[in-house]
Amino acid sequence: MYGRVKSRVIEYLILANAFMFIVRLAAEDWVMEYLALTPAYVMKMPWMLITNMFLHADFEHILFNMFAVLMFGTYLQRIIGGEEFTKTYFIGGLAAGLFYVFMSLAFHLPSPMISAVGASGAVYAIIGALVVLRPNMRIYLYFLFPMPLYVFAGLYLLYGLVAIPTNLGGTTAVTAHVGGLIAGIIMGRMYRRKYQEQAYTYVRYY
């Protein structure tokens, strides 16, 4: 596959998340009321489906999400390019939010009054796309346990089937993660028709 023009979309996404983290620290009550994804209010404030992707609960939350965006996102972007990567990020994050809202309003999993924040849904969409395009990509779970990416995705989907109805995930929005992962897998299948499993050329940037 031919080398692609370098895109800075990942840098912009990380900067946007960092900026909104500062905004959240400065005006936490306002941000959580109007920008976090609260299923009970999403019909009145639909922008929550987008803004929640740029909010995080604490420093650890944003640190690990942005690390994942940098690591997995850089690899995916090299395969499909900056434009398609941006689509994956936002469509995956939106799908994650919609699935979270659906499960909350339809089944109270969780309560419609519980707000969700974070880029995790978009991150899992990136992972889902890579599961299709590079299923044997090796990752280290908790930086210790090596496994192919498809094994991790399969295990997480099984975990989601148990965690969602039993609230095993606690404060983690497992429904959003599962929604993002499924959306990413669907998009990955679409990309596979265009970007078949083949080596791509690295290009130098001076």
Protein backbone atom coordinates (compact mmCIF):
# COMPACT_ATOMS: atom_id res chain seq x y z
CA MET A 1 0.00 0.00 0.00
CA TYR A 2 1.30 3.44 -0.81
CA GLY A 3 2.60 5.76 1.87
CA ARG A 4 0.09 8.25 3.20
CA VAL A 5 0.42 11.93 3.85
CA LYS A 6 0.97 12.48 7.55
CA SER A 7 -2.16 13.60 9.37
CA ARG A 8 -2.21 15.48 12.67
CA VAL A 9 -5.75 14.50 13.57
CA ILE A 10 -4.60 12.41 16.55
CA GLU A 11 -2.65 15.35 17.94
CA TYR A 12 -5.72 17.59 17.55
CA LEU A 13 -7.95 15.05 19.27
CA ILE A 14 -5.58 14.74 22.21
CA LEU A 15 -5.31 18.53 22.50
CA ALA A 16 -9.12 18.88 22.37
CA ASN A 17 -9.52 16.31 25.13
CA ALA A 18 -6.85 18.01 27.24
CA PHE A 19 -8.52 21.41 26.77
CA MET A 20 -11.94 20.05 27.78
CA PHE A 21 -10.39 18.38 30.82
CA ILE A 22 -9.20 21.80 31.96
CA VAL A 23 -12.65 23.26 31.27
CA ARG A 24 -14.22 20.50 33.33
CA LEU A 25 -11.90 21.24 36.26
CA ALA A 26 -12.80 24.94 36.05
CA ALA A 27 -16.58 24.50 35.74
CA GLU A 28 -17.37 20.93 36.77
CA ASP A 29 -21.04 21.39 37.68
CA TRP A 30 -21.91 23.20 34.44
CA VAL A 31 -19.94 20.75 32.29
CA MET A 32 -21.52 17.68 33.88
CA GLU A 33 -25.02 19.14 33.61
CA TYR A 34 -24.88 20.27 29.99
CA LEU A 35 -22.09 18.33 28.25
CA ALA A 36 -21.91 14.88 29.87
CA LEU A 37 -24.13 12.19 28.33
CA THR A 38 -27.20 11.81 30.56
CA PRO A 39 -29.81 9.56 28.89
CA ALA A 40 -32.72 11.24 30.67
CA TYR A 41 -31.86 14.60 29.07
CA VAL A 42 -30.35 13.61 25.73
CA MET A 43 -33.51 14.39 23.74
CA LYS A 44 -33.42 17.99 24.99
CA MET A 45 -29.64 18.29 24.66
CA PRO A 46 -28.58 16.00 21.78
CA TRP A 47 -25.13 17.58 21.57
CA MET A 48 -24.30 15.47 24.64
CA LEU A 49 -23.73 12.55 22.26
CA ILE A 50 -20.66 14.38 20.93
CA THR A 51 -19.43 16.49 23.83
CA ASN A 52 -19.23 13.55 26.23
CA MET A 53 -16.44 12.09 24.09
CA PHE A 54 -14.15 14.95 25.13
CA LEU A 55 -14.81 14.79 28.87
CA HIS A 56 -13.11 12.59 31.46
CA ALA A 57 -13.74 11.77 35.08
CA ASP A 58 -10.19 12.24 36.35
CA PHE A 59 -6.55 12.43 35.29
CA GLU A 60 -6.11 8.65 35.17
CA HIS A 61 -9.16 8.36 32.93
CA ILE A 62 -7.90 10.84 30.34
CA LEU A 63 -4.33 9.55 30.57
CA PHE A 64 -5.19 5.97 29.66
CA ASN A 65 -7.71 6.97 26.98
CA MET A 66 -5.30 9.34 25.25
CA PHE A 67 -2.52 6.75 25.49
CA ALA A 68 -4.81 4.27 23.75
CA VAL A 69 -5.76 6.83 21.08
CA LEU A 70 -2.07 7.48 20.45
CA MET A 71 -1.03 3.83 20.31
CA PHE A 72 -3.95 2.16 18.52
CA GLY A 73 -5.00 5.27 16.61
CA THR A 74 -1.57 5.85 15.08
CA TYR A 75 -1.50 2.27 13.81
CA LEU A 76 -5.02 2.42 12.37
CA GLN A 77 -4.37 5.79 10.76
CA ARG A 78 -1.35 4.40 8.93
CA ILE A 79 -3.62 1.77 7.37
CA ILE A 80 -6.71 3.79 6.42
CA GLY A 81 -5.52 7.40 6.45
CA GLY A 82 -6.46 10.43 8.53
CA GLU A 83 -9.89 11.06 7.00
CA GLU A 84 -11.17 7.53 7.51
CA PHE A 85 -9.61 7.40 10.95
CA THR A 86 -11.51 10.55 11.93
CA LYS A 87 -14.75 8.93 10.73
CA THR A 88 -14.00 5.84 12.78
CA TYR A 89 -13.34 7.90 15.89
CA PHE A 90 -16.48 10.01 15.72
CA ILE A 91 -18.89 7.43 14.31
CA GLY A 92 -17.64 4.87 16.81
CA GLY A 93 -17.94 7.33 19.69
CA LEU A 94 -21.42 8.33 18.57
CA ALA A 95 -22.50 4.68 18.27
CA ALA A 96 -21.15 4.03 21.75
CA GLY A 97 -23.20 6.90 23.14
CA LEU A 98 -26.35 5.81 21.35
CA PHE A 99 -26.01 2.26 22.63
CA TYR A 100 -25.46 3.58 26.15
CA VAL A 101 -28.61 5.71 25.86
CA PHE A 102 -30.65 2.86 24.39
CA MET A 103 -29.69 0.37 27.10
CA SER A 104 -30.34 2.98 29.77
CA LEU A 105 -33.75 4.13 28.55
CA ALA A 106 -34.99 0.71 27.48
CA PHE A 107 -33.63 -1.47 30.30
CA HIS A 108 -32.32 0.95 32.97
CA LEU A 109 -28.82 -0.43 32.44
CA PRO A 110 -27.72 1.88 33.98
CA SER A 111 -30.26 4.38 35.33
CA PRO A 112 -31.11 7.20 32.86
CA MET A 113 -29.89 9.70 35.45
CA ILE A 114 -26.33 8.35 35.43
CA SER A 115 -24.08 10.44 33.19
CA ALA A 116 -21.31 9.02 31.03
CA VAL A 117 -18.10 10.73 29.97
CA GLY A 118 -14.98 9.67 28.14
CA ALA A 119 -13.42 8.80 24.81
CA SER A 120 -13.50 5.08 25.60
CA GLY A 121 -16.28 4.35 23.12
CA ALA A 122 -14.22 5.89 20.32
CA VAL A 123 -11.13 4.02 21.52
CA TYR A 124 -12.99 0.70 21.38
CA ALA A 125 -14.18 1.58 17.87
CA ILE A 126 -10.55 2.01 16.84
CA ILE A 127 -9.77 -1.37 18.41
CA GLY A 128 -12.77 -2.93 16.66
CA ALA A 129 -11.57 -1.73 13.26
CA LEU A 130 -8.09 -3.10 13.96
CA VAL A 131 -9.57 -6.45 15.01
CA VAL A 132 -10.80 -6.86 11.43
CA LEU A 133 -7.82 -5.31 9.65
CA ARG A 134 -5.04 -6.69 11.87
CA PRO A 135 -6.59 -9.47 14.00
CA ASN A 136 -3.26 -10.99 15.00
CA MET A 137 -1.80 -7.71 16.21
CA ARG A 138 -0.22 -8.52 19.59
CA ILE A 139 -1.13 -6.43 22.61
CA TYR A 140 -0.18 -6.63 26.27
CA LEU A 141 -3.16 -6.59 28.60
CA TYR A 142 -2.26 -4.48 31.65
CA PHE A 143 1.21 -4.29 30.05
CA LEU A 144 1.84 -7.87 31.25
CA PHE A 145 -0.24 -10.47 29.39
CA PRO A 146 0.40 -10.86 25.63
CA MET A 147 -2.48 -11.86 23.39
CA PRO A 148 -3.71 -11.32 19.81
CA LEU A 149 -6.08 -8.41 19.43
CA TYR A 150 -8.96 -10.64 18.30
CA VAL A 151 -8.70 -12.65 21.53
CA PHE A 152 -8.89 -9.48 23.61
CA ALA A 153 -11.94 -8.27 21.66
CA GLY A 154 -13.69 -11.63 22.02
CA LEU A 155 -13.02 -11.76 25.74
CA TYR A 156 -14.27 -8.21 26.20
CA LEU A 157 -17.49 -8.95 24.35
CA LEU A 158 -18.05 -11.97 26.61
CA TYR A 159 -17.30 -9.81 29.62
CA GLY A 160 -19.82 -7.25 28.40
CA LEU A 161 -22.56 -9.88 28.14
CA VAL A 162 -22.05 -10.61 31.84
CA ALA A 163 -21.16 -7.14 33.12
CA ILE A 164 -24.02 -5.17 31.54
CA PRO A 165 -27.00 -6.98 33.11
CA THR A 166 -25.24 -7.59 36.43
CA ASN A 167 -23.57 -4.17 36.78
CA LEU A 168 -20.26 -5.99 37.19
CA GLY A 169 -18.49 -3.05 35.58
CA GLY A 170 -19.41 -0.72 38.44
CA THR A 171 -18.88 2.88 37.37
CA THR A 172 -17.42 1.85 34.01
CA ALA A 173 -19.78 2.42 31.06
CA VAL A 174 -19.42 -1.09 29.66
CA THR A 175 -22.41 -0.59 27.35
CA ALA A 176 -20.60 2.30 25.64
CA HIS A 177 -17.45 0.21 25.26
CA VAL A 178 -19.36 -2.67 23.69
CA GLY A 179 -21.26 -0.31 21.39
CA GLY A 180 -18.04 1.30 20.22
CA LEU A 181 -16.33 -2.05 19.70
CA ILE A 182 -19.20 -3.41 17.59
CA ALA A 183 -19.34 -0.21 15.53
CA GLY A 184 -15.59 -0.43 14.93
CA ILE A 185 -15.84 -4.04 13.79
CA ILE A 186 -18.57 -3.10 11.31
CA MET A 187 -16.50 -0.22 9.97
CA GLY A 188 -13.41 -2.44 9.85
CA ARG A 189 -15.25 -4.86 7.58
CA MET A 190 -16.07 -1.97 5.26
CA TYR A 191 -12.44 -0.85 5.23
CA ARG A 192 -11.18 -4.37 4.60
CA ARG A 193 -12.69 -4.32 1.13
CA LYS A 194 -10.51 -1.32 0.33
CA TYR A 195 -7.46 -1.99 2.48
CA GLN A 196 -6.77 -5.69 2.23
CA GLU A 197 -4.37 -7.43 4.62
CA GLN A 198 -1.10 -6.36 3.09
CA ALA A 199 2.08 -4.64 4.09
CA TYR A 200 2.17 -0.88 3.77
CA THR A 201 5.15 1.34 3.16
CA TYR A 202 6.48 3.59 5.86
CA VAL A 203 7.52 7.00 4.62
CA ARG A 204 9.97 9.36 6.27
CA TYR A 205 8.87 12.79 7.35
CA TYR A 206 11.58 15.41 7.39
